[in-house]
Protein backbone atom coordinates (compact mmCIF):
# COMPACT_ATOMS: atom_id res chain seq x y z
CA UNK A 1 100.76 58.47 109.17
CA UNK A 2 103.09 62.24 108.17
CA UNK A 3 104.08 60.88 105.08
CA UNK A 4 99.88 59.73 104.17
CA UNK A 5 98.93 63.25 105.10
CA UNK A 6 101.70 65.00 103.01
CA UNK A 7 100.87 62.88 99.40
CA UNK A 8 97.36 63.61 100.67
CA UNK A 9 98.23 67.97 100.82
CA UNK A 10 100.80 67.68 98.32
CA UNK A 11 99.77 64.61 95.59
CA UNK A 12 101.98 65.63 92.94
CA UNK A 13 105.03 66.08 95.47
CA UNK A 14 105.52 70.16 93.67
CA UNK A 15 107.48 71.57 96.46
CA UNK A 16 105.74 74.91 95.06
CA UNK A 17 102.60 72.25 96.49
CA UNK A 18 104.75 72.69 100.12
CA UNK A 19 105.02 76.20 100.49
CA UNK A 20 101.97 77.39 99.29
CA UNK A 21 100.70 75.02 102.79
CA UNK A 22 102.86 76.71 104.37
CA UNK A 23 102.00 80.74 103.31
CA UNK A 24 98.39 79.37 103.28
CA UNK A 25 99.39 78.94 107.04
CA UNK A 26 100.72 81.65 107.36
CA UNK A 27 98.79 83.79 106.95
CA UNK A 28 95.61 82.35 108.63
CA UNK A 29 93.59 82.97 112.29
CA UNK A 30 94.96 81.25 115.15
CA UNK A 31 92.11 80.09 115.02
CA UNK A 32 91.98 78.33 111.71
CA UNK A 33 93.98 74.91 112.43
CA UNK A 34 94.12 72.63 109.98
CA UNK A 35 95.92 75.38 107.94
CA UNK A 36 98.57 75.32 110.55
CA UNK A 37 98.30 71.55 111.82
CA UNK A 38 98.94 70.48 107.93
CA UNK A 39 101.72 73.20 107.84
CA UNK A 40 103.70 71.64 110.88
CA UNK A 41 103.21 68.70 108.82
CA UNK A 42 105.00 70.02 106.28
CA UNK A 43 107.69 71.41 108.71
CA UNK A 44 108.43 68.58 110.22
CA UNK A 45 108.71 66.80 107.00
CA UNK A 46 110.79 69.10 104.41
CA UNK A 47 113.22 69.32 108.41
CA UNK A 48 112.29 72.11 110.07
CA UNK A 49 110.56 70.62 113.49
CA UNK A 50 111.62 73.45 115.57
CA UNK A 51 109.22 75.88 113.44
CA UNK A 52 106.61 72.57 113.42
CA UNK A 53 106.71 72.90 117.83
CA UNK A 54 106.95 76.68 117.59
CA UNK A 55 103.75 75.93 115.36
CA UNK A 56 102.17 74.09 117.31
CA UNK A 57 102.38 75.74 120.73
CA UNK A 58 101.82 79.16 120.17
CA UNK A 59 98.18 77.94 118.65
CA UNK A 60 97.47 75.50 121.63
CA UNK A 61 98.15 79.30 123.57
CA UNK A 62 95.93 80.21 121.63
CA UNK A 63 93.33 78.20 121.04
CA UNK A 64 89.65 76.61 123.11
CA UNK A 65 90.22 73.34 124.56
CA UNK A 66 88.20 71.24 122.28
CA UNK A 67 91.34 72.57 119.44
CA UNK A 68 93.94 72.45 121.86
CA UNK A 69 93.55 68.69 122.67
CA UNK A 70 93.45 67.80 118.73
CA UNK A 71 97.07 70.89 118.32
CA UNK A 72 97.83 68.67 121.90
CA UNK A 73 97.69 65.24 119.74
CA UNK A 74 99.55 66.27 116.69
CA UNK A 75 102.83 67.72 118.24
CA UNK A 76 102.63 64.60 120.05
CA UNK A 77 102.86 62.22 117.66
CA UNK A 78 105.43 64.95 115.47
CA UNK A 79 107.27 64.32 119.10
CA UNK A 80 107.54 60.91 117.97
CA UNK A 81 108.77 61.49 114.31
CA UNK A 82 111.36 63.50 115.95
CA UNK A 83 112.41 61.12 117.82
CA UNK A 84 112.46 61.76 122.15
CA UNK A 85 115.87 62.36 122.00
CA UNK A 86 115.91 65.15 119.80
CA UNK A 87 117.21 67.88 122.01
CA UNK A 88 114.10 70.11 120.17
CA UNK A 89 112.12 67.36 121.11
CA UNK A 90 112.37 67.55 124.74
CA UNK A 91 112.49 71.76 124.51
CA UNK A 92 108.97 71.33 123.23
CA UNK A 93 108.22 69.01 126.13
CA UNK A 94 108.79 71.54 128.01
CA UNK A 95 106.73 74.00 126.81
CA UNK A 96 103.60 71.59 126.55
CA UNK A 97 103.63 71.07 130.31
CA UNK A 98 104.08 74.73 130.80
CA UNK A 99 101.44 75.82 128.25
CA UNK A 100 98.86 72.92 129.43
CA UNK A 101 100.11 73.47 133.64
């Protein structure tokens, strides 16, 4: 679950730890999906779901089928965290559909 992943990524709960996760992902190649998954979790946790969705959608567009599935599953999980009626979720769902089909 999201909270458990955030606690594992940043056990001391320091804002600087979250910032480091985002910076690492921003510098990481598209193939480093673990960095991007971690950053997306952080972005949702700090109230920036649109950034998380954009990050994962970009990675889905850039990666292999195996990686795409892992990214897609996390994106769907984050949709549930944010809520299906949220406009950012609705837009990201449309984008995901376009990428996959």
